[in-house]
Amino acid sequence: MIAICPGSFDPVTHGHLDVISRAAALFDQVIVAVGQNSAKKYLFTPDERLELVRETTAHLPNVSVEALEGLLVTFAKNHGAGVLVKGI
């Protein structure tokens, strides 16, 4: 099963990595979807955030990192994902 873990990841934290690692252990594939909200001010650029998440998840073979553009539901449908993973 494919899971999506969406967020802004500005910056990626130990908490984010814990959620992503746990999801990687539970699901066949995890797609970390790095979003951009024009109403928010960010510390890092979208490209920097993508690279930071890629670097910190490189040891997880079933985790990929992609930019999230548009609606999350459309992104999930386009990737065949049936699970949304969020930390609380």
PDB file of N, CA and C in Angstrom:
ATOM      1  N   MET A   1       0.842  -1.177   0.000  1.00  0.00           N
ATOM      2  CA  MET A   1       0.000   0.000   0.000  1.00  0.00           C
ATOM      3  C   MET A   1       0.889   1.242   0.000  1.00  0.00           C
ATOM      4  N   ILE A   2       0.437   2.264  -0.698  1.00  0.00           N
ATOM      5  CA  ILE A   2       1.169   3.524  -0.803  1.00  0.00           C
ATOM      6  C   ILE A   2       0.575   4.523   0.183  1.00  0.00           C
ATOM      7  N   ALA A   3       1.461   5.180   0.941  1.00  0.00           N
ATOM      8  CA  ALA A   3       1.053   6.203   1.900  1.00  0.00           C
ATOM      9  C   ALA A   3       1.694   7.533   1.527  1.00  0.00           C
ATOM     10  N   ILE A   4       0.991   8.607   1.842  1.00  0.00           N
ATOM     11  CA  ILE A   4       1.526   9.947   1.621  1.00  0.00           C
ATOM     12  C   ILE A   4       1.666  10.634   2.965  1.00  0.00           C
ATOM     13  N   CYS A   5       2.813  11.273   3.150  1.00  0.00           N
ATOM     14  CA  CYS A   5       3.085  12.049   4.358  1.00  0.00           C
ATOM     15  C   CYS A   5       3.297  13.505   3.922  1.00  0.00           C
ATOM     16  N   PRO A   6       2.249  14.326   3.990  1.00  0.00           N
ATOM     17  CA  PRO A   6       2.365  15.702   3.519  1.00  0.00           C
ATOM     18  C   PRO A   6       2.813  16.663   4.614  1.00  0.00           C
ATOM     19  N   GLY A   7       3.411  17.769   4.198  1.00  0.00           N
ATOM     20  CA  GLY A   7       3.800  18.803   5.140  1.00  0.00           C
ATOM     21  C   GLY A   7       4.647  19.855   4.469  1.00  0.00           C
ATOM     22  N   SER A   8       4.954  20.908   5.230  1.00  0.00           N
ATOM     23  CA  SER A   8       5.830  21.949   4.683  1.00  0.00           C
ATOM     24  C   SER A   8       7.294  21.643   4.991  1.00  0.00           C
ATOM     25  N   PHE A   9       7.552  20.957   6.090  1.00  0.00           N
ATOM     26  CA  PHE A   9       8.904  20.523   6.455  1.00  0.00           C
ATOM     27  C   PHE A   9       9.890  21.699   6.433  1.00  0.00           C
ATOM     28  N   ASP A  10       9.538  22.749   7.172  1.00  0.00           N
ATOM     29  CA  ASP A  10      10.341  23.970   7.200  1.00  0.00           C
ATOM     30  C   ASP A  10      10.779  24.320   8.612  1.00  0.00           C
ATOM     31  N   PRO A  11      11.807  23.695   9.103  1.00  0.00           N
ATOM     32  CA  PRO A  11      12.625  22.644   8.496  1.00  0.00           C
ATOM     33  C   PRO A  11      12.078  21.264   8.863  1.00  0.00           C
ATOM     34  N   VAL A  12      12.670  20.235   8.277  1.00  0.00           N
ATOM     35  CA  VAL A  12      12.346  18.867   8.663  1.00  0.00           C
ATOM     36  C   VAL A  12      12.896  18.649  10.073  1.00  0.00           C
ATOM     37  N   THR A  13      12.097  18.021  10.941  1.00  0.00           N
ATOM     38  CA  THR A  13      12.483  17.849  12.344  1.00  0.00           C
ATOM     39  C   THR A  13      12.627  16.372  12.702  1.00  0.00           C
ATOM     40  N   HIS A  14      13.131  16.115  13.898  1.00  0.00           N
ATOM     41  CA  HIS A  14      13.214  14.735  14.394  1.00  0.00           C
ATOM     42  C   HIS A  14      11.814  14.122  14.479  1.00  0.00           C
ATOM     43  N   GLY A  15      10.826  14.925  14.832  1.00  0.00           N
ATOM     44  CA  GLY A  15       9.447  14.439  14.878  1.00  0.00           C
ATOM     45  C   GLY A  15       8.952  14.010  13.508  1.00  0.00           C
ATOM     46  N   HIS A  16       9.230  14.828  12.487  1.00  0.00           N
ATOM     47  CA  HIS A  16       8.875  14.446  11.112  1.00  0.00           C
ATOM     48  C   HIS A  16       9.537  13.125  10.745  1.00  0.00           C
ATOM     49  N   LEU A  17      10.827  13.022  11.039  1.00  0.00           N
ATOM     50  CA  LEU A  17      11.576  11.816  10.675  1.00  0.00           C
ATOM     51  C   LEU A  17      11.055  10.590  11.408  1.00  0.00           C
ATOM     52  N   ASP A  18      10.610  10.757  12.633  1.00  0.00           N
ATOM     53  CA  ASP A  18      10.033   9.641  13.380  1.00  0.00           C
ATOM     54  C   ASP A  18       8.754   9.151  12.699  1.00  0.00           C
ATOM     55  N   VAL A  19       7.886  10.075  12.322  1.00  0.00           N
ATOM     56  CA  VAL A  19       6.635   9.709  11.647  1.00  0.00           C
ATOM     57  C   VAL A  19       6.930   9.036  10.309  1.00  0.00           C
ATOM     58  N   ILE A  20       7.864   9.595   9.540  1.00  0.00           N
ATOM     59  CA  ILE A  20       8.216   9.027   8.234  1.00  0.00           C
ATOM     60  C   ILE A  20       8.816   7.634   8.402  1.00  0.00           C
ATOM     61  N   SER A  21       9.702   7.458   9.372  1.00  0.00           N
ATOM     62  CA  SER A  21      10.327   6.147   9.616  1.00  0.00           C
ATOM     63  C   SER A  21       9.293   5.101  10.023  1.00  0.00           C
ATOM     64  N   ARG A  22       8.368   5.491  10.885  1.00  0.00           N
ATOM     65  CA  ARG A  22       7.315   4.559  11.306  1.00  0.00           C
ATOM     66  C   ARG A  22       6.415   4.185  10.129  1.00  0.00           C
ATOM     67  N   ALA A  23       6.104   5.164   9.294  1.00  0.00           N
ATOM     68  CA  ALA A  23       5.285   4.890   8.111  1.00  0.00           C
ATOM     69  C   ALA A  23       6.021   3.958   7.155  1.00  0.00           C
ATOM     70  N   ALA A  24       7.323   4.159   7.002  1.00  0.00           N
ATOM     71  CA  ALA A  24       8.124   3.309   6.109  1.00  0.00           C
ATOM     72  C   ALA A  24       8.118   1.860   6.573  1.00  0.00           C
ATOM     73  N   ALA A  25       8.019   1.648   7.881  1.00  0.00           N
ATOM     74  CA  ALA A  25       7.976   0.286   8.422  1.00  0.00           C
ATOM     75  C   ALA A  25       6.601  -0.362   8.223  1.00  0.00           C
ATOM     76  N   LEU A  26       5.579   0.447   8.048  1.00  0.00           N
ATOM     77  CA  LEU A  26       4.208  -0.062   7.937  1.00  0.00           C
ATOM     78  C   LEU A  26       3.711  -0.238   6.503  1.00  0.00           C
ATOM     79  N   PHE A  27       4.225   0.583   5.582  1.00  0.00           N
ATOM     80  CA  PHE A  27       3.681   0.612   4.228  1.00  0.00           C
ATOM     81  C   PHE A  27       4.735   0.246   3.192  1.00  0.00           C
ATOM     82  N   ASP A  28       4.259  -0.225   2.041  1.00  0.00           N
ATOM     83  CA  ASP A  28       5.161  -0.612   0.961  1.00  0.00           C
ATOM     84  C   ASP A  28       5.945   0.579   0.428  1.00  0.00           C
ATOM     85  N   GLN A  29       5.264   1.703   0.292  1.00  0.00           N
ATOM     86  CA  GLN A  29       5.889   2.911  -0.235  1.00  0.00           C
ATOM     87  C   GLN A  29       5.343   4.112   0.514  1.00  0.00           C
ATOM     88  N   VAL A  30       6.231   5.054   0.824  1.00  0.00           N
ATOM     89  CA  VAL A  30       5.830   6.307   1.457  1.00  0.00           C
ATOM     90  C   VAL A  30       6.319   7.448   0.571  1.00  0.00           C
ATOM     91  N   ILE A  31       5.407   8.324   0.222  1.00  0.00           N
ATOM     92  CA  ILE A  31       5.764   9.514  -0.543  1.00  0.00           C
ATOM     93  C   ILE A  31       5.650  10.706   0.398  1.00  0.00           C
ATOM     94  N   VAL A  32       6.768  11.366   0.639  1.00  0.00           N
ATOM     95  CA  VAL A  32       6.763  12.585   1.436  1.00  0.00           C
ATOM     96  C   VAL A  32       6.455  13.725   0.469  1.00  0.00           C
ATOM     97  N   ALA A  33       5.326  14.378   0.677  1.00  0.00           N
ATOM     98  CA  ALA A  33       4.858  15.440  -0.210  1.00  0.00           C
ATOM     99  C   ALA A  33       5.139  16.791   0.441  1.00  0.00           C
ATOM    100  N   VAL A  34       6.100  17.505  -0.110  1.00  0.00           N
ATOM    101  CA  VAL A  34       6.525  18.790   0.450  1.00  0.00           C
ATOM    102  C   VAL A  34       5.702  19.900  -0.204  1.00  0.00           C
ATOM    103  N   GLY A  35       4.872  20.545   0.611  1.00  0.00           N
ATOM    104  CA  GLY A  35       3.945  21.547   0.097  1.00  0.00           C
ATOM    105  C   GLY A  35       4.445  22.969   0.205  1.00  0.00           C
ATOM    106  N   GLN A  36       3.745  23.837  -0.498  1.00  0.00           N
ATOM    107  CA  GLN A  36       4.048  25.263  -0.515  1.00  0.00           C
ATOM    108  C   GLN A  36       2.735  26.009  -0.369  1.00  0.00           C
ATOM    109  N   ASN A  37       2.654  26.883   0.620  1.00  0.00           N
ATOM    110  CA  ASN A  37       1.462  27.694   0.844  1.00  0.00           C
ATOM    111  C   ASN A  37       1.866  29.154   0.651  1.00  0.00           C
ATOM    112  N   SER A  38       1.297  29.804  -0.335  1.00  0.00           N
ATOM    113  CA  SER A  38       1.688  31.186  -0.649  1.00  0.00           C
ATOM    114  C   SER A  38       1.362  32.154   0.490  1.00  0.00           C
ATOM    115  N   ALA A  39       0.501  31.765   1.409  1.00  0.00           N
ATOM    116  CA  ALA A  39       0.144  32.622   2.538  1.00  0.00           C
ATOM    117  C   ALA A  39       1.140  32.506   3.693  1.00  0.00           C
ATOM    118  N   LYS A  40       2.039  31.529   3.626  1.00  0.00           N
ATOM    119  CA  LYS A  40       3.019  31.323   4.697  1.00  0.00           C
ATOM    120  C   LYS A  40       4.380  31.874   4.302  1.00  0.00           C
ATOM    121  N   LYS A  41       5.126  32.308   5.313  1.00  0.00           N
ATOM    122  CA  LYS A  41       6.517  32.709   5.104  1.00  0.00           C
ATOM    123  C   LYS A  41       7.391  31.550   5.561  1.00  0.00           C
ATOM    124  N   TYR A  42       8.342  31.182   4.728  1.00  0.00           N
ATOM    125  CA  TYR A  42       9.175  30.018   4.997  1.00  0.00           C
ATOM    126  C   TYR A  42      10.607  30.418   5.296  1.00  0.00           C
ATOM    127  N   LEU A  43      11.266  29.596   6.095  1.00  0.00           N
ATOM    128  CA  LEU A  43      12.679  29.749   6.395  1.00  0.00           C
ATOM    129  C   LEU A  43      13.518  29.316   5.198  1.00  0.00           C
ATOM    130  N   PHE A  44      13.101  28.213   4.548  1.00  0.00           N
ATOM    131  CA  PHE A  44      13.832  27.636   3.425  1.00  0.00           C
ATOM    132  C   PHE A  44      12.977  27.678   2.159  1.00  0.00           C
ATOM    133  N   THR A  45      13.635  27.709   1.004  1.00  0.00           N
ATOM    134  CA  THR A  45      12.928  27.685  -0.276  1.00  0.00           C
ATOM    135  C   THR A  45      12.335  26.292  -0.494  1.00  0.00           C
ATOM    136  N   PRO A  46      11.387  26.171  -1.421  1.00  0.00           N
ATOM    137  CA  PRO A  46      10.842  24.837  -1.716  1.00  0.00           C
ATOM    138  C   PRO A  46      11.926  23.836  -2.119  1.00  0.00           C
ATOM    139  N   ASP A  47      12.856  24.245  -2.959  1.00  0.00           N
ATOM    140  CA  ASP A  47      13.932  23.341  -3.382  1.00  0.00           C
ATOM    141  C   ASP A  47      14.828  22.933  -2.217  1.00  0.00           C
ATOM    142  N   GLU A  48      15.115  23.865  -1.320  1.00  0.00           N
ATOM    143  CA  GLU A  48      15.933  23.534  -0.143  1.00  0.00           C
ATOM    144  C   GLU A  48      15.206  22.539   0.754  1.00  0.00           C
ATOM    145  N   ARG A  49      13.905  22.731   0.945  1.00  0.00           N
ATOM    146  CA  ARG A  49      13.133  21.815   1.784  1.00  0.00           C
ATOM    147  C   ARG A  49      13.066  20.425   1.168  1.00  0.00           C
ATOM    148  N   LEU A  50      12.880  20.358  -0.146  1.00  0.00           N
ATOM    149  CA  LEU A  50      12.893  19.060  -0.829  1.00  0.00           C
ATOM    150  C   LEU A  50      14.224  18.358  -0.608  1.00  0.00           C
ATOM    151  N   GLU A  51      15.314  19.073  -0.780  1.00  0.00           N
ATOM    152  CA  GLU A  51      16.643  18.479  -0.638  1.00  0.00           C
ATOM    153  C   GLU A  51      16.914  18.050   0.807  1.00  0.00           C
ATOM    154  N   LEU A  52      16.507  18.862   1.773  1.00  0.00           N
ATOM    155  CA  LEU A  52      16.699  18.501   3.184  1.00  0.00           C
ATOM    156  C   LEU A  52      15.964  17.206   3.522  1.00  0.00           C
ATOM    157  N   VAL A  53      14.729  17.078   3.050  1.00  0.00           N
ATOM    158  CA  VAL A  53      13.965  15.859   3.333  1.00  0.00           C
ATOM    159  C   VAL A  53      14.583  14.671   2.602  1.00  0.00           C
ATOM    160  N   ARG A  54      15.018  14.879   1.374  1.00  0.00           N
ATOM    161  CA  ARG A  54      15.669  13.782   0.630  1.00  0.00           C
ATOM    162  C   ARG A  54      16.928  13.304   1.345  1.00  0.00           C
ATOM    163  N   GLU A  55      17.737  14.236   1.812  1.00  0.00           N
ATOM    164  CA  GLU A  55      18.979  13.872   2.508  1.00  0.00           C
ATOM    165  C   GLU A  55      18.697  13.102   3.794  1.00  0.00           C
ATOM    166  N   THR A  56      17.684  13.522   4.528  1.00  0.00           N
ATOM    167  CA  THR A  56      17.422  12.904   5.829  1.00  0.00           C
ATOM    168  C   THR A  56      16.627  11.605   5.736  1.00  0.00           C
ATOM    169  N   THR A  57      16.081  11.306   4.561  1.00  0.00           N
ATOM    170  CA  THR A  57      15.347  10.045   4.390  1.00  0.00           C
ATOM    171  C   THR A  57      16.053   9.093   3.422  1.00  0.00           C
ATOM    172  N   ALA A  58      17.254   9.430   3.008  1.00  0.00           N
ATOM    173  CA  ALA A  58      17.985   8.630   2.012  1.00  0.00           C
ATOM    174  C   ALA A  58      18.205   7.186   2.465  1.00  0.00           C
ATOM    175  N   HIS A  59      18.262   6.960   3.764  1.00  0.00           N
ATOM    176  CA  HIS A  59      18.493   5.610   4.294  1.00  0.00           C
ATOM    177  C   HIS A  59      17.234   4.733   4.271  1.00  0.00           C
ATOM    178  N   LEU A  60      16.112   5.298   3.887  1.00  0.00           N
ATOM    179  CA  LEU A  60      14.842   4.566   3.844  1.00  0.00           C
ATOM    180  C   LEU A  60      14.511   4.255   2.380  1.00  0.00           C
ATOM    181  N   PRO A  61      14.748   3.019   1.942  1.00  0.00           N
ATOM    182  CA  PRO A  61      14.619   2.698   0.516  1.00  0.00           C
ATOM    183  C   PRO A  61      13.210   2.812  -0.060  1.00  0.00           C
ATOM    184  N   ASN A  62      12.198   2.736   0.767  1.00  0.00           N
ATOM    185  CA  ASN A  62      10.825   2.807   0.258  1.00  0.00           C
ATOM    186  C   ASN A  62      10.190   4.186   0.447  1.00  0.00           C
ATOM    187  N   VAL A  63      11.038   5.194   0.684  1.00  0.00           N
ATOM    188  CA  VAL A  63      10.554   6.566   0.854  1.00  0.00           C
ATOM    189  C   VAL A  63      11.049   7.419  -0.312  1.00  0.00           C
ATOM    190  N   SER A  64      10.109   8.129  -0.929  1.00  0.00           N
ATOM    191  CA  SER A  64      10.471   9.097  -1.963  1.00  0.00           C
ATOM    192  C   SER A  64       9.949  10.463  -1.540  1.00  0.00           C
ATOM    193  N   VAL A  65      10.519  11.503  -2.120  1.00  0.00           N
ATOM    194  CA  VAL A  65      10.170  12.874  -1.750  1.00  0.00           C
ATOM    195  C   VAL A  65       9.798  13.628  -3.024  1.00  0.00           C
ATOM    196  N   GLU A  66       8.636  14.267  -2.991  1.00  0.00           N
ATOM    197  CA  GLU A  66       8.155  15.006  -4.157  1.00  0.00           C
ATOM    198  C   GLU A  66       7.527  16.321  -3.724  1.00  0.00           C
ATOM    199  N   ALA A  67       7.518  17.278  -4.642  1.00  0.00           N
ATOM    200  CA  ALA A  67       6.826  18.541  -4.405  1.00  0.00           C
ATOM    201  C   ALA A  67       5.324  18.309  -4.518  1.00  0.00           C
ATOM    202  N   LEU A  68       4.592  18.898  -3.611  1.00  0.00           N
ATOM    203  CA  LEU A  68       3.129  18.826  -3.635  1.00  0.00           C
ATOM    204  C   LEU A  68       2.608  20.121  -4.230  1.00  0.00           C
ATOM    205  N   GLU A  69       1.991  20.002  -5.386  1.00  0.00           N
ATOM    206  CA  GLU A  69       1.369  21.158  -6.030  1.00  0.00           C
ATOM    207  C   GLU A  69      -0.096  20.829  -6.238  1.00  0.00           C
ATOM    208  N   GLY A  70      -0.958  21.769  -5.946  1.00  0.00           N
ATOM    209  CA  GLY A  70      -2.390  21.526  -6.100  1.00  0.00           C
ATOM    210  C   GLY A  70      -2.976  20.863  -4.869  1.00  0.00           C
ATOM    211  N   LEU A  71      -4.090  20.184  -5.072  1.00  0.00           N
ATOM    212  CA  LEU A  71      -4.810  19.563  -3.965  1.00  0.00           C
ATOM    213  C   LEU A  71      -4.185  18.238  -3.554  1.00  0.00           C
ATOM    214  N   LEU A  72      -4.154  17.998  -2.259  1.00  0.00           N
ATOM    215  CA  LEU A  72      -3.616  16.748  -1.735  1.00  0.00           C
ATOM    216  C   LEU A  72      -4.406  15.546  -2.250  1.00  0.00           C
ATOM    217  N   VAL A  73      -5.716  15.663  -2.343  1.00  0.00           N
ATOM    218  CA  VAL A  73      -6.543  14.548  -2.810  1.00  0.00           C
ATOM    219  C   VAL A  73      -6.189  14.180  -4.253  1.00  0.00           C
ATOM    220  N   THR A  74      -5.898  15.161  -5.077  1.00  0.00           N
ATOM    221  CA  THR A  74      -5.501  14.905  -6.465  1.00  0.00           C
ATOM    222  C   THR A  74      -4.136  14.240  -6.510  1.00  0.00           C
ATOM    223  N   PHE A  75      -3.217  14.729  -5.688  1.00  0.00           N
ATOM    224  CA  PHE A  75      -1.875  14.145  -5.599  1.00  0.00           C
ATOM    225  C   PHE A  75      -1.978  12.676  -5.201  1.00  0.00           C
ATOM    226  N   ALA A  76      -2.790  12.391  -4.188  1.00  0.00           N
ATOM    227  CA  ALA A  76      -2.959  11.014  -3.711  1.00  0.00           C
ATOM    228  C   ALA A  76      -3.548  10.126  -4.805  1.00  0.00           C
ATOM    229  N   LYS A  77      -4.553  10.612  -5.477  1.00  0.00           N
ATOM    230  CA  LYS A  77      -5.191   9.839  -6.547  1.00  0.00           C
ATOM    231  C   LYS A  77      -4.196   9.564  -7.672  1.00  0.00           C
ATOM    232  N   ASN A  78      -3.430  10.571  -8.061  1.00  0.00           N
ATOM    233  CA  ASN A  78      -2.452  10.422  -9.141  1.00  0.00           C
ATOM    234  C   ASN A  78      -1.339   9.435  -8.800  1.00  0.00           C
ATOM    235  N   HIS A  79      -1.074   9.243  -7.514  1.00  0.00           N
ATOM    236  CA  HIS A  79      -0.013   8.335  -7.073  1.00  0.00           C
ATOM    237  C   HIS A  79      -0.551   6.987  -6.583  1.00  0.00           C
ATOM    238  N   GLY A  80      -1.861   6.810  -6.631  1.00  0.00           N
ATOM    239  CA  GLY A  80      -2.455   5.549  -6.194  1.00  0.00           C
ATOM    240  C   GLY A  80      -2.354   5.315  -4.701  1.00  0.00           C
ATOM    241  N   ALA A  81      -2.289   6.395  -3.933  1.00  0.00           N
ATOM    242  CA  ALA A  81      -2.147   6.287  -2.479  1.00  0.00           C
ATOM    243  C   ALA A  81      -3.507   6.119  -1.813  1.00  0.00           C
ATOM    244  N   GLY A  82      -3.546   5.252  -0.812  1.00  0.00           N
ATOM    245  CA  GLY A  82      -4.776   5.023  -0.075  1.00  0.00           C
ATOM    246  C   GLY A  82      -4.696   5.416   1.383  1.00  0.00           C
ATOM    247  N   VAL A  83      -3.529   5.948   1.791  1.00  0.00           N
ATOM    248  CA  VAL A  83      -3.313   6.280   3.200  1.00  0.00           C
ATOM    249  C   VAL A  83      -2.644   7.646   3.297  1.00  0.00           C
ATOM    250  N   LEU A  84      -3.093   8.436   4.265  1.00  0.00           N
ATOM    251  CA  LEU A  84      -2.491   9.720   4.580  1.00  0.00           C
ATOM    252  C   LEU A  84      -1.896   9.602   5.975  1.00  0.00           C
ATOM    253  N   VAL A  85      -0.628   9.946   6.125  1.00  0.00           N
ATOM    254  CA  VAL A  85       0.064   9.819   7.407  1.00  0.00           C
ATOM    255  C   VAL A  85       0.414  11.210   7.923  1.00  0.00           C
ATOM    256  N   LYS A  86      -0.036  11.512   9.153  1.00  0.00           N
ATOM    257  CA  LYS A  86       0.286  12.780   9.802  1.00  0.00           C
ATOM    258  C   LYS A  86       0.632  12.512  11.258  1.00  0.00           C
ATOM    259  N   GLY A  87       1.539  13.285  11.787  1.00  0.00           N
ATOM    260  CA  GLY A  87       1.850  13.211  13.207  1.00  0.00           C
ATOM    261  C   GLY A  87       0.940  14.147  13.982  1.00  0.00           C
ATOM    262  N   ILE A  88       0.808  13.874  15.285  1.00  0.00           N
ATOM    263  CA  ILE A  88       0.011  14.774  16.122  1.00  0.00           C
ATOM    264  C   ILE A  88       0.829  15.216  17.315  1.00  0.00           C
TER     265      ILE A  88
END
